[in-house]
Amino acid sequence: MSEHKTTIGLEIHAELKTKSKMFCSCVNDPDEERPNVNVCPICLAHPGVLPVINEEAVNKVIKTGLSLNCNIAEHSSFDRKSYFYPDLPKGYQISQYSFPLCKKGFLEINNKKIKINRIHLEEDVGKLIHEDGYSLVDFNRAGIPLMELVTEPNIETAEEAMKFAQEFQLILRYLDVSDANMEKGQMRVEVNISIAKKGAEKLGSKVEIKNLNSFKSVEGAIKFEVERQRNVLESGEKVIQETRGWLEKKGETISQRVKEEAHDYRYFPEPDLPPLQFKKEEIDLIFSSIPELPNQKRERFKEQYELGEEEIESFVLNRELSFFFEKVISELGNWIKSSNKKDLTKKDLIKTYKIASNYIITDIRGLLNSTEKEERTSGIPITPENFAEFVNLIFKGEISSKIAKIVLKEMFLTKADPSNIIKEKGLTQINDESEIEEIAKKVISKNQKAVEDFKKGKTNALQFLIGQLMAETKGRTNPETADKILNKLINS
């Protein structure tokens, strides 16, 4: 058991989805490939220009804070954070320090509340492009609204930190405040790590790892740095407070510079922007626009549909599939009422939910992944009504799993309803038991070894025979009927 305690805090930046930049009317388009086209005198910091606060950005930060159980400030303001770097045209960044928009929240991860210190709003910087012997600056990104979340240092493991970042990204997407694509730099994670002896009153020296652009990097960087700091302490040396970078290919951190303190940035109130005041009615209106959040969906899907954890997580992570699933369930009730002569039990209904879930998560998702998004402009090319009919056919045993896969692929490609596909393709199930019995006799005569193995107690032999019968009928036999008839013939 380690004699040291690990303390981790996260700082997560996310670019907000707004029409314009934070303090000017330039288009917010960080993906623009032409350099320096979405710029103006304000975001390029020409002399005499004045910034104007983007109300949409402010509301999106408040919306995020409310979703993370934060207290929303009645009074907030902006500050100047001074530092000099080529991608920062002003020579300072407009940020928030003394009076952030959101404070004292939490996000629950694995039944533990990870405390959030603050969420504040600032502007992004430009992008440096390094060529041979020189560097270029693209200011398209400069001035884009940037939200920063800062946790309290109460994260203890790399896995916990990674899960926090993943859940936060999911919440941002549910709220539609940011696409939070880490590969595109729309969400960046910085990690603060300190190691101290267990029982120590003070935390150890804090080391910050900057600009981690994937969840794998977050986990890997923390694990490496924890081990590095432990080795330093165990050798009798002191951990230096510094900023380090992560080398993905080598799987290690490297020293970059001595860590700055808040006073190094010379924060002071931004004189060109007025303070912000919020009324309860304004906050309540933003709160009313918050949709169902990931954890709420997990709980509802478990209670309402009794799905397994893996199935639920698939739907939580893929909203397109979850919306389709719920539309199918809504239509399924009509199909079941019209085609089943008796009311279904709760157990039967749960079975239909699981059939729908399985085919959506496996087959529909597989078909979507094999189709380019550009080729399907309207999402899933199957109507919920047709898919509900498809589920009902499986539930009633009118098509086998093999036929179901054929029908579903055809539905995906042609948008036709399943009944027409079954009729046109000659996929109607064979229900005449005398006909199935004749085919079963042929299967038995061709596979005498499997028959003898089954008689000796090898149950897998029967599954082989059922498979042979299904192949003979091209999947048009109900497997339960095949099982019953083969058992009867072999044991007669």
Protein backbone atom coordinates (compact mmCIF):
# COMPACT_ATOMS: atom_id res chain seq x y z
CA MET A 1 0.00 0.00 0.00
CA SER A 2 1.34 3.45 -0.96
CA GLU A 3 2.37 5.82 1.84
CA HIS A 4 1.38 8.79 -0.29
CA LYS A 5 -1.96 10.43 -1.03
CA THR A 6 -2.72 11.63 -4.55
CA THR A 7 -4.73 14.82 -5.02
CA ILE A 8 -5.97 15.80 -8.48
CA GLY A 9 -7.80 18.85 -9.77
CA LEU A 10 -8.99 19.55 -13.31
CA GLU A 11 -9.27 22.70 -15.41
CA ILE A 12 -11.37 22.11 -18.53
CA HIS A 13 -11.78 24.62 -21.34
CA ALA A 14 -14.64 24.31 -23.83
CA GLU A 15 -15.33 26.51 -26.86
CA LEU A 16 -18.97 27.62 -26.88
CA LYS A 17 -21.31 27.23 -29.85
CA THR A 18 -22.36 30.80 -30.56
CA LYS A 19 -23.00 32.64 -33.81
CA SER A 20 -20.40 35.32 -33.10
CA LYS A 21 -17.28 35.74 -31.03
CA MET A 22 -17.19 36.77 -27.38
CA PHE A 23 -16.72 40.51 -27.74
CA CYS A 24 -17.33 41.29 -31.42
CA SER A 25 -19.62 40.32 -34.30
CA CYS A 26 -17.07 38.15 -36.15
CA VAL A 27 -18.30 34.67 -37.09
CA ASN A 28 -17.51 31.95 -34.54
CA ASP A 29 -16.09 29.29 -36.84
CA PRO A 30 -12.95 27.64 -35.44
CA ASP A 31 -12.96 25.12 -38.32
CA GLU A 32 -12.42 27.82 -40.96
CA GLU A 33 -9.35 26.69 -42.93
CA ARG A 34 -8.56 30.04 -44.55
CA PRO A 35 -6.39 31.94 -42.06
CA ASN A 36 -7.39 35.33 -40.64
CA VAL A 37 -10.74 35.75 -42.41
CA ASN A 38 -13.02 35.87 -39.33
CA VAL A 39 -11.28 38.86 -37.79
CA CYS A 40 -12.01 42.53 -37.13
CA PRO A 41 -10.38 45.50 -35.35
CA ILE A 42 -11.90 44.36 -32.01
CA CYS A 43 -10.59 40.78 -31.95
CA LEU A 44 -7.28 41.99 -33.43
CA ALA A 45 -7.01 44.59 -30.63
CA HIS A 46 -6.63 47.69 -32.78
CA PRO A 47 -6.26 50.93 -30.77
CA GLY A 48 -9.46 52.62 -29.60
CA VAL A 49 -11.87 49.69 -30.16
CA LEU A 50 -14.35 48.60 -27.48
CA PRO A 51 -15.59 45.06 -26.74
CA VAL A 52 -19.28 44.16 -26.29
CA ILE A 53 -20.37 41.14 -24.20
CA ASN A 54 -21.97 38.22 -26.08
CA GLU A 55 -25.24 37.53 -24.21
CA GLU A 56 -25.68 34.09 -25.78
CA ALA A 57 -22.29 33.00 -24.40
CA VAL A 58 -23.15 34.25 -20.91
CA ASN A 59 -26.47 32.35 -20.93
CA LYS A 60 -24.77 29.13 -22.06
CA VAL A 61 -22.29 29.27 -19.20
CA ILE A 62 -25.14 29.85 -16.73
CA LYS A 63 -27.06 26.95 -18.28
CA THR A 64 -24.01 24.71 -17.80
CA GLY A 65 -23.56 25.89 -14.22
CA LEU A 66 -27.18 25.15 -13.36
CA SER A 67 -26.81 21.66 -14.83
CA LEU A 68 -23.80 21.10 -12.56
CA ASN A 69 -25.56 22.21 -9.38
CA CYS A 70 -23.67 25.53 -9.19
CA ASN A 71 -24.66 28.74 -7.46
CA ILE A 72 -25.21 31.44 -10.08
CA ALA A 73 -23.81 34.84 -9.22
CA GLU A 74 -26.20 37.74 -8.85
CA HIS A 75 -23.23 39.97 -9.67
CA SER A 76 -20.43 39.05 -12.09
CA SER A 77 -17.70 40.92 -13.95
CA PHE A 78 -14.73 40.51 -16.27
CA ASP A 79 -11.02 40.98 -15.58
CA ARG A 80 -7.84 41.43 -17.57
CA LYS A 81 -5.33 38.59 -17.35
CA SER A 82 -2.03 39.95 -18.56
CA TYR A 83 0.58 37.85 -20.33
CA PHE A 84 2.50 38.20 -23.57
CA TYR A 85 2.38 35.56 -26.27
CA PRO A 86 2.16 35.84 -30.08
CA ASP A 87 -1.35 34.31 -30.29
CA LEU A 88 -2.80 36.88 -27.83
CA PRO A 89 -3.25 40.11 -29.81
CA LYS A 90 -4.16 42.37 -26.87
CA GLY A 91 -1.25 41.38 -24.67
CA TYR A 92 -3.92 40.38 -22.15
CA GLN A 93 -6.91 38.04 -22.11
CA ILE A 94 -10.38 39.15 -21.04
CA SER A 95 -11.36 36.56 -18.46
CA GLN A 96 -13.05 36.31 -15.05
CA TYR A 97 -11.21 36.10 -11.75
CA SER A 98 -12.85 37.79 -8.77
CA PHE A 99 -16.52 37.38 -9.74
CA PRO A 100 -17.13 34.29 -11.95
CA LEU A 101 -20.57 33.44 -13.29
CA CYS A 102 -20.86 30.08 -11.47
CA LYS A 103 -19.45 28.75 -8.18
CA LYS A 104 -19.68 25.79 -5.78
CA GLY A 105 -21.22 23.00 -7.85
CA PHE A 106 -20.63 19.27 -8.21
CA LEU A 107 -20.80 16.39 -10.67
CA GLU A 108 -21.45 12.89 -9.38
CA ILE A 109 -19.04 10.23 -10.67
CA ASN A 110 -19.36 6.63 -9.43
CA ASN A 111 -21.55 7.78 -6.51
CA LYS A 112 -18.98 10.37 -5.47
CA LYS A 113 -19.57 14.10 -5.70
CA ILE A 114 -16.64 15.77 -7.45
CA LYS A 115 -16.80 19.37 -6.25
CA ILE A 116 -16.62 22.22 -8.76
CA ASN A 117 -14.93 25.41 -7.59
CA ARG A 118 -16.07 27.68 -10.42
CA ILE A 119 -17.12 28.00 -14.05
CA HIS A 120 -16.17 31.24 -15.74
CA LEU A 121 -16.19 32.83 -19.18
CA GLU A 122 -13.29 34.18 -21.19
CA GLU A 123 -12.03 34.53 -24.77
CA ASP A 124 -9.92 32.02 -26.68
CA VAL A 125 -6.55 32.87 -28.21
CA GLY A 126 -5.30 32.51 -31.79
CA LYS A 127 -3.54 29.50 -33.27
CA LEU A 128 0.21 29.27 -33.89
CA ILE A 129 1.42 27.39 -36.96
CA HIS A 130 5.07 26.43 -36.77
CA GLU A 131 6.97 26.05 -40.05
CA ASP A 132 10.68 25.48 -40.68
CA GLY A 133 12.46 28.28 -38.88
CA TYR A 134 9.44 30.54 -38.30
CA SER A 135 5.89 30.69 -36.91
CA LEU A 136 2.62 32.03 -38.30
CA VAL A 137 -0.45 33.20 -36.38
CA ASP A 138 -4.07 32.53 -37.40
CA PHE A 139 -6.47 34.76 -35.43
CA ASN A 140 -9.73 33.10 -36.60
CA ARG A 141 -10.00 31.45 -33.18
CA ALA A 142 -8.99 34.56 -31.21
CA GLY A 143 -11.98 35.91 -29.30
CA ILE A 144 -14.15 32.79 -29.50
CA PRO A 145 -16.17 32.37 -26.25
CA LEU A 146 -14.33 29.96 -23.99
CA MET A 147 -15.81 28.42 -20.86
CA GLU A 148 -13.47 27.19 -18.13
CA LEU A 149 -14.49 24.75 -15.40
CA VAL A 150 -12.23 24.35 -12.37
CA THR A 151 -12.77 21.46 -9.95
CA GLU A 152 -11.78 21.34 -6.32
CA PRO A 153 -8.79 19.06 -5.67
CA ASN A 154 -10.89 16.09 -4.56
CA ILE A 155 -10.20 13.68 -7.42
CA GLU A 156 -8.04 10.73 -6.35
CA THR A 157 -7.35 8.56 -9.41
CA ALA A 158 -6.66 8.84 -13.13
CA GLU A 159 -9.81 6.84 -13.90
CA GLU A 160 -11.94 9.20 -11.81
CA ALA A 161 -10.48 12.23 -13.60
CA MET A 162 -11.06 10.69 -17.02
CA LYS A 163 -14.67 9.79 -16.20
CA PHE A 164 -15.33 13.32 -14.95
CA ALA A 165 -14.04 14.77 -18.23
CA GLN A 166 -16.09 12.28 -20.28
CA GLU A 167 -19.30 13.02 -18.37
CA PHE A 168 -18.71 16.77 -18.61
CA GLN A 169 -18.26 16.47 -22.38
CA LEU A 170 -21.53 14.52 -22.58
CA ILE A 171 -23.39 17.18 -20.57
CA LEU A 172 -22.05 19.96 -22.84
CA ARG A 173 -23.40 18.08 -25.86
CA TYR A 174 -26.80 17.40 -24.24
CA LEU A 175 -27.08 21.12 -23.45
CA ASP A 176 -25.91 21.97 -27.00
CA VAL A 177 -23.56 24.60 -25.61
CA SER A 178 -20.43 23.07 -27.16
CA ASP A 179 -19.53 20.24 -29.54
CA ALA A 180 -16.57 19.65 -27.17
CA ASN A 181 -14.61 17.73 -29.80
CA MET A 182 -11.20 17.18 -28.24
CA GLU A 183 -9.52 16.27 -31.53
CA LYS A 184 -10.48 19.69 -32.90
CA GLY A 185 -9.39 21.53 -29.76
CA GLN A 186 -12.97 22.45 -28.80
CA MET A 187 -12.35 20.95 -25.37
CA ARG A 188 -8.98 20.92 -23.64
CA VAL A 189 -8.10 19.44 -20.26
CA GLU A 190 -5.41 20.57 -17.86
CA VAL A 191 -4.54 18.49 -14.82
CA ASN A 192 -3.13 19.61 -11.46
CA ILE A 193 -1.48 16.84 -9.45
CA SER A 194 0.13 16.83 -6.02
CA ILE A 195 1.47 14.01 -3.89
CA ALA A 196 1.82 14.19 -0.12
CA LYS A 197 2.40 11.74 2.70
CA LYS A 198 -0.81 10.28 4.08
CA GLY A 199 -1.98 12.28 7.07
CA ALA A 200 -0.05 15.42 6.05
CA GLU A 201 -1.88 18.68 6.78
CA LYS A 202 -0.78 20.38 3.58
CA LEU A 203 -0.96 19.24 -0.04
CA GLY A 204 2.26 18.57 -1.87
CA SER A 205 3.77 20.81 -4.55
CA LYS A 206 1.33 21.23 -7.43
CA VAL A 207 2.35 20.20 -10.95
CA GLU A 208 0.16 21.22 -13.89
CA ILE A 209 -0.01 19.27 -17.14
CA LYS A 210 -1.30 21.46 -19.97
CA ASN A 211 -3.45 20.95 -23.06
CA LEU A 212 -4.41 17.28 -22.93
CA ASN A 213 -6.50 16.63 -26.04
CA SER A 214 -7.90 13.14 -25.47
CA PHE A 215 -9.29 11.11 -22.60
CA LYS A 216 -6.52 8.57 -23.12
CA SER A 217 -3.98 11.38 -22.64
CA VAL A 218 -5.72 12.53 -19.44
CA GLU A 219 -5.52 9.05 -17.95
CA GLY A 220 -2.00 8.31 -19.19
CA ALA A 221 -0.52 11.66 -18.12
CA ILE A 222 -1.93 11.38 -14.59
CA LYS A 223 -0.73 7.81 -14.11
CA PHE A 224 2.79 8.69 -15.29
CA GLU A 225 2.99 11.89 -13.25
CA VAL A 226 1.76 10.24 -10.04
CA GLU A 227 4.43 7.59 -10.38
CA ARG A 228 7.11 10.19 -11.20
CA GLN A 229 6.29 12.32 -8.17
CA ARG A 230 6.23 9.28 -5.88
CA ASN A 231 9.69 8.29 -7.10
CA VAL A 232 10.95 11.83 -6.48
CA LEU A 233 9.65 11.84 -2.89
CA GLU A 234 10.88 8.33 -2.15
CA SER A 235 14.38 9.32 -3.29
CA GLY A 236 14.39 12.07 -0.65
CA GLU A 237 14.02 14.97 -3.10
CA LYS A 238 11.30 17.62 -3.38
CA VAL A 239 8.74 17.92 -6.18
CA ILE A 240 9.16 21.24 -8.01
CA GLN A 241 6.02 23.29 -8.64
CA GLU A 242 6.00 23.61 -12.43
CA THR A 243 4.09 23.24 -15.68
CA ARG A 244 4.77 20.07 -17.66
CA GLY A 245 3.79 18.83 -21.10
CA TRP A 246 2.62 15.37 -22.17
CA LEU A 247 4.52 13.42 -24.84
CA GLU A 248 1.93 11.01 -26.21
CA LYS A 249 4.36 8.82 -28.15
CA LYS A 250 6.79 8.40 -25.26
CA GLY A 251 4.07 8.19 -22.64
CA GLU A 252 5.76 10.64 -20.30
CA THR A 253 5.62 14.24 -19.08
CA ILE A 254 8.40 16.81 -19.59
CA SER A 255 9.19 20.04 -17.77
CA GLN A 256 8.16 23.24 -19.58
CA ARG A 257 8.35 26.15 -17.14
CA VAL A 258 8.07 27.17 -13.50
CA LYS A 259 4.38 27.44 -12.57
CA GLU A 260 2.90 30.94 -12.58
CA GLU A 261 0.88 32.23 -9.63
CA ALA A 262 -2.27 34.36 -9.96
CA HIS A 263 -0.31 37.54 -9.14
CA ASP A 264 1.98 36.90 -12.12
CA TYR A 265 -0.98 37.58 -14.42
CA ARG A 266 -1.65 41.00 -12.80
CA TYR A 267 -5.43 40.54 -12.80
CA PHE A 268 -7.47 43.73 -12.56
CA PRO A 269 -11.09 44.64 -13.46
CA GLU A 270 -11.75 45.05 -17.18
CA PRO A 271 -12.47 48.80 -17.56
CA ASP A 272 -14.18 48.52 -20.97
CA LEU A 273 -16.96 46.13 -19.89
CA PRO A 274 -19.83 46.81 -17.47
CA PRO A 275 -20.52 44.45 -14.55
CA LEU A 276 -23.31 41.90 -15.01
CA GLN A 277 -26.41 41.71 -12.82
CA PHE A 278 -28.86 38.78 -12.93
CA LYS A 279 -32.43 38.59 -11.64
CA LYS A 280 -34.00 35.40 -10.34
CA GLU A 281 -36.53 35.46 -13.20
CA GLU A 282 -33.70 35.43 -15.76
CA ILE A 283 -31.98 32.46 -14.08
CA ASP A 284 -35.30 30.58 -13.81
CA LEU A 285 -35.91 31.08 -17.53
CA ILE A 286 -32.50 29.59 -18.39
CA PHE A 287 -33.11 26.71 -15.94
CA SER A 288 -36.41 25.89 -17.68
CA SER A 289 -34.54 25.32 -20.97
CA ILE A 290 -32.32 22.54 -19.57
CA PRO A 291 -33.15 19.20 -21.23
CA GLU A 292 -32.97 15.74 -19.66
CA LEU A 293 -29.32 15.22 -18.67
CA PRO A 294 -27.29 12.00 -19.08
CA ASN A 295 -27.68 10.72 -15.53
CA GLN A 296 -31.41 11.46 -15.53
CA LYS A 297 -31.72 9.46 -18.75
CA ARG A 298 -29.80 6.54 -17.23
CA GLU A 299 -32.17 6.40 -14.26
CA ARG A 300 -35.30 6.74 -16.42
CA PHE A 301 -34.26 4.07 -18.94
CA LYS A 302 -33.49 1.67 -16.10
CA GLU A 303 -36.83 2.21 -14.38
CA GLN A 304 -39.05 2.60 -17.46
CA TYR A 305 -37.59 0.01 -19.84
CA GLU A 306 -35.59 -2.28 -17.50
CA LEU A 307 -32.63 -2.34 -19.88
CA GLY A 308 -29.15 -3.50 -18.88
CA GLU A 309 -26.39 -1.04 -17.97
CA GLU A 310 -24.50 -1.53 -21.25
CA GLU A 311 -27.65 -0.99 -23.31
CA ILE A 312 -28.53 2.13 -21.34
CA GLU A 313 -25.03 3.56 -21.73
CA SER A 314 -25.18 2.97 -25.50
CA PHE A 315 -28.34 5.07 -25.67
CA VAL A 316 -26.97 7.76 -23.33
CA LEU A 317 -23.87 8.12 -25.50
CA ASN A 318 -25.81 8.12 -28.78
CA ARG A 319 -28.77 10.48 -28.60
CA GLU A 320 -29.86 9.78 -32.19
CA LEU A 321 -30.34 6.11 -31.32
CA SER A 322 -32.06 6.89 -28.00
CA PHE A 323 -34.57 9.25 -29.63
CA PHE A 324 -35.31 6.62 -32.29
CA PHE A 325 -35.72 3.91 -29.64
CA GLU A 326 -38.31 5.94 -27.71
CA LYS A 327 -40.25 6.76 -30.88
CA VAL A 328 -40.29 3.04 -31.72
CA ILE A 329 -41.58 2.17 -28.24
CA SER A 330 -44.35 4.73 -28.67
CA GLU A 331 -45.40 3.17 -32.01
CA LEU A 332 -44.94 -0.36 -30.70
CA GLY A 333 -47.90 -0.04 -28.38
CA ASN A 334 -50.22 0.51 -31.35
CA TRP A 335 -48.84 -2.50 -33.24
CA ILE A 336 -49.14 -4.80 -30.25
CA LYS A 337 -52.75 -3.74 -29.55
CA SER A 338 -53.82 -4.25 -33.16
CA SER A 339 -52.07 -7.57 -33.84
CA ASN A 340 -52.23 -9.44 -30.52
CA LYS A 341 -55.60 -10.71 -29.39
CA LYS A 342 -54.84 -10.37 -25.67
CA ASP A 343 -53.29 -7.70 -23.50
CA LEU A 344 -49.59 -8.23 -22.94
CA THR A 345 -48.09 -8.64 -19.50
CA LYS A 346 -45.36 -6.35 -18.19
CA LYS A 347 -42.91 -9.19 -18.86
CA ASP A 348 -44.01 -9.33 -22.52
CA LEU A 349 -43.64 -5.56 -22.89
CA ILE A 350 -40.13 -5.65 -21.41
CA LYS A 351 -39.31 -8.39 -23.93
CA THR A 352 -40.38 -6.13 -26.82
CA TYR A 353 -38.25 -3.30 -25.38
CA LYS A 354 -35.23 -5.59 -25.31
CA ILE A 355 -35.84 -6.78 -28.88
CA ALA A 356 -36.02 -3.16 -30.07
CA SER A 357 -32.97 -2.20 -28.04
CA ASN A 358 -30.83 -5.10 -29.29
CA TYR A 359 -31.56 -4.53 -32.97
CA ILE A 360 -31.07 -0.75 -32.70
CA ILE A 361 -27.80 -0.95 -30.78
CA THR A 362 -26.26 -3.74 -32.84
CA ASP A 363 -27.78 -3.82 -36.33
CA ILE A 364 -28.97 -0.23 -36.83
CA ARG A 365 -25.77 1.22 -35.37
CA GLY A 366 -23.72 -1.13 -37.56
CA LEU A 367 -25.62 -0.06 -40.67
CA LEU A 368 -25.21 3.62 -39.75
CA ASN A 369 -21.47 3.19 -39.21
CA SER A 370 -21.11 1.58 -42.63
CA THR A 371 -22.90 4.51 -44.29
CA GLU A 372 -21.31 7.92 -44.72
CA LYS A 373 -23.26 10.71 -43.02
CA GLU A 374 -23.31 12.65 -46.29
CA GLU A 375 -25.28 9.80 -47.87
CA ARG A 376 -28.10 9.98 -45.27
CA THR A 377 -29.42 13.48 -44.81
CA SER A 378 -32.35 12.50 -42.59
CA GLY A 379 -30.79 10.37 -39.84
CA ILE A 380 -32.00 6.77 -39.53
CA PRO A 381 -33.72 5.92 -42.86
CA ILE A 382 -36.38 3.71 -41.23
CA THR A 383 -39.58 5.13 -39.79
CA PRO A 384 -40.31 4.31 -36.13
CA GLU A 385 -43.65 2.84 -37.27
CA ASN A 386 -41.97 0.38 -39.66
CA PHE A 387 -39.39 -0.58 -37.05
CA ALA A 388 -42.15 -1.16 -34.49
CA GLU A 389 -43.87 -3.50 -36.96
CA PHE A 390 -40.53 -5.27 -37.44
CA VAL A 391 -40.13 -5.74 -33.66
CA ASN A 392 -43.70 -7.07 -33.39
CA LEU A 393 -43.02 -9.67 -36.09
CA ILE A 394 -40.02 -10.95 -34.12
CA PHE A 395 -41.94 -10.89 -30.84
CA LYS A 396 -44.78 -12.96 -32.34
CA GLY A 397 -42.28 -15.44 -33.79
CA GLU A 398 -43.30 -14.74 -37.39
CA ILE A 399 -39.71 -14.25 -38.55
CA SER A 400 -36.50 -15.85 -37.33
CA SER A 401 -33.40 -13.90 -36.28
CA LYS A 402 -31.71 -14.79 -39.58
CA ILE A 403 -34.63 -13.47 -41.63
CA ALA A 404 -34.87 -10.45 -39.34
CA LYS A 405 -31.33 -9.35 -40.26
CA ILE A 406 -32.12 -9.68 -43.98
CA VAL A 407 -35.37 -7.73 -43.62
CA LEU A 408 -33.79 -5.00 -41.50
CA LYS A 409 -30.97 -4.38 -43.96
CA GLU A 410 -33.51 -4.11 -46.78
CA MET A 411 -35.61 -1.70 -44.71
CA PHE A 412 -32.51 0.43 -44.15
CA LEU A 413 -31.64 0.52 -47.85
CA THR A 414 -35.14 0.93 -49.34
CA LYS A 415 -37.21 2.48 -46.50
CA ALA A 416 -39.91 -0.13 -47.26
CA ASP A 417 -42.10 -1.65 -44.56
CA PRO A 418 -41.16 -5.17 -43.34
CA SER A 419 -44.35 -6.95 -44.44
CA ASN A 420 -43.85 -5.93 -48.08
CA ILE A 421 -40.18 -6.94 -47.99
CA ILE A 422 -41.04 -10.37 -46.56
CA LYS A 423 -43.71 -10.90 -49.23
CA GLU A 424 -41.62 -9.64 -52.18
CA LYS A 425 -38.47 -11.54 -51.16
CA GLY A 426 -40.30 -14.78 -50.36
CA LEU A 427 -39.17 -14.70 -46.73
CA THR A 428 -42.49 -15.81 -45.22
CA GLN A 429 -41.94 -18.21 -42.34
CA ILE A 430 -42.82 -21.88 -42.82
CA ASN A 431 -45.48 -22.65 -40.22
CA ASP A 432 -46.66 -26.00 -41.56
CA GLU A 433 -45.16 -28.48 -39.09
CA SER A 434 -45.57 -31.42 -41.49
CA GLU A 435 -43.44 -29.59 -44.04
CA ILE A 436 -40.81 -28.77 -41.41
CA GLU A 437 -40.89 -32.42 -40.25
CA GLU A 438 -40.02 -33.67 -43.76
CA ILE A 439 -37.05 -31.32 -43.92
CA ALA A 440 -35.99 -32.39 -40.39
CA LYS A 441 -35.97 -36.05 -41.46
CA LYS A 442 -33.53 -35.21 -44.26
CA VAL A 443 -31.30 -33.31 -41.84
CA ILE A 444 -31.28 -36.27 -39.44
CA SER A 445 -30.43 -38.76 -42.16
CA LYS A 446 -27.52 -36.61 -43.37
CA ASN A 447 -26.09 -36.05 -39.90
CA GLN A 448 -26.21 -39.36 -38.07
CA LYS A 449 -23.07 -38.66 -36.02
CA ALA A 450 -24.63 -35.51 -34.57
CA VAL A 451 -27.78 -37.51 -33.80
CA GLU A 452 -25.76 -40.15 -31.92
CA ASP A 453 -23.82 -37.45 -30.04
CA PHE A 454 -27.08 -35.85 -28.94
CA LYS A 455 -28.39 -39.20 -27.70
CA LYS A 456 -25.19 -39.53 -25.64
CA GLY A 457 -26.02 -36.26 -23.90
CA LYS A 458 -24.05 -33.74 -25.98
CA THR A 459 -26.52 -30.86 -26.13
CA ASN A 460 -24.39 -28.88 -28.61
CA ALA A 461 -25.17 -31.56 -31.20
CA LEU A 462 -28.84 -30.54 -31.18
CA GLN A 463 -27.89 -26.91 -31.78
CA PHE A 464 -25.88 -28.08 -34.78
CA LEU A 465 -28.90 -29.94 -36.15
CA ILE A 466 -31.15 -26.93 -35.61
CA GLY A 467 -28.62 -24.84 -37.53
CA GLN A 468 -28.67 -27.35 -40.39
CA LEU A 469 -32.47 -27.25 -40.50
CA MET A 470 -32.45 -23.45 -40.48
CA ALA A 471 -29.98 -23.49 -43.36
CA GLU A 472 -32.17 -25.89 -45.36
CA THR A 473 -35.15 -23.56 -44.93
CA LYS A 474 -33.00 -20.42 -45.46
CA GLY A 475 -33.93 -19.16 -42.02
CA ARG A 476 -37.68 -19.42 -42.63
CA THR A 477 -38.28 -21.75 -39.68
CA ASN A 478 -38.86 -20.72 -36.10
CA PRO A 479 -35.88 -22.10 -34.09
CA GLU A 480 -38.21 -23.20 -31.24
CA THR A 481 -40.33 -25.18 -33.70
CA ALA A 482 -37.18 -26.72 -35.19
CA ASP A 483 -36.01 -27.71 -31.69
CA LYS A 484 -39.36 -29.31 -30.85
CA ILE A 485 -39.63 -31.32 -34.09
CA LEU A 486 -36.02 -32.55 -34.05
CA ASN A 487 -36.38 -33.63 -30.42
CA LYS A 488 -39.57 -35.49 -31.26
CA LEU A 489 -38.09 -37.32 -34.28
CA ILE A 490 -34.81 -38.26 -32.58
CA ASN A 491 -36.48 -39.55 -29.40
CA SER A 492 -39.36 -41.36 -31.13
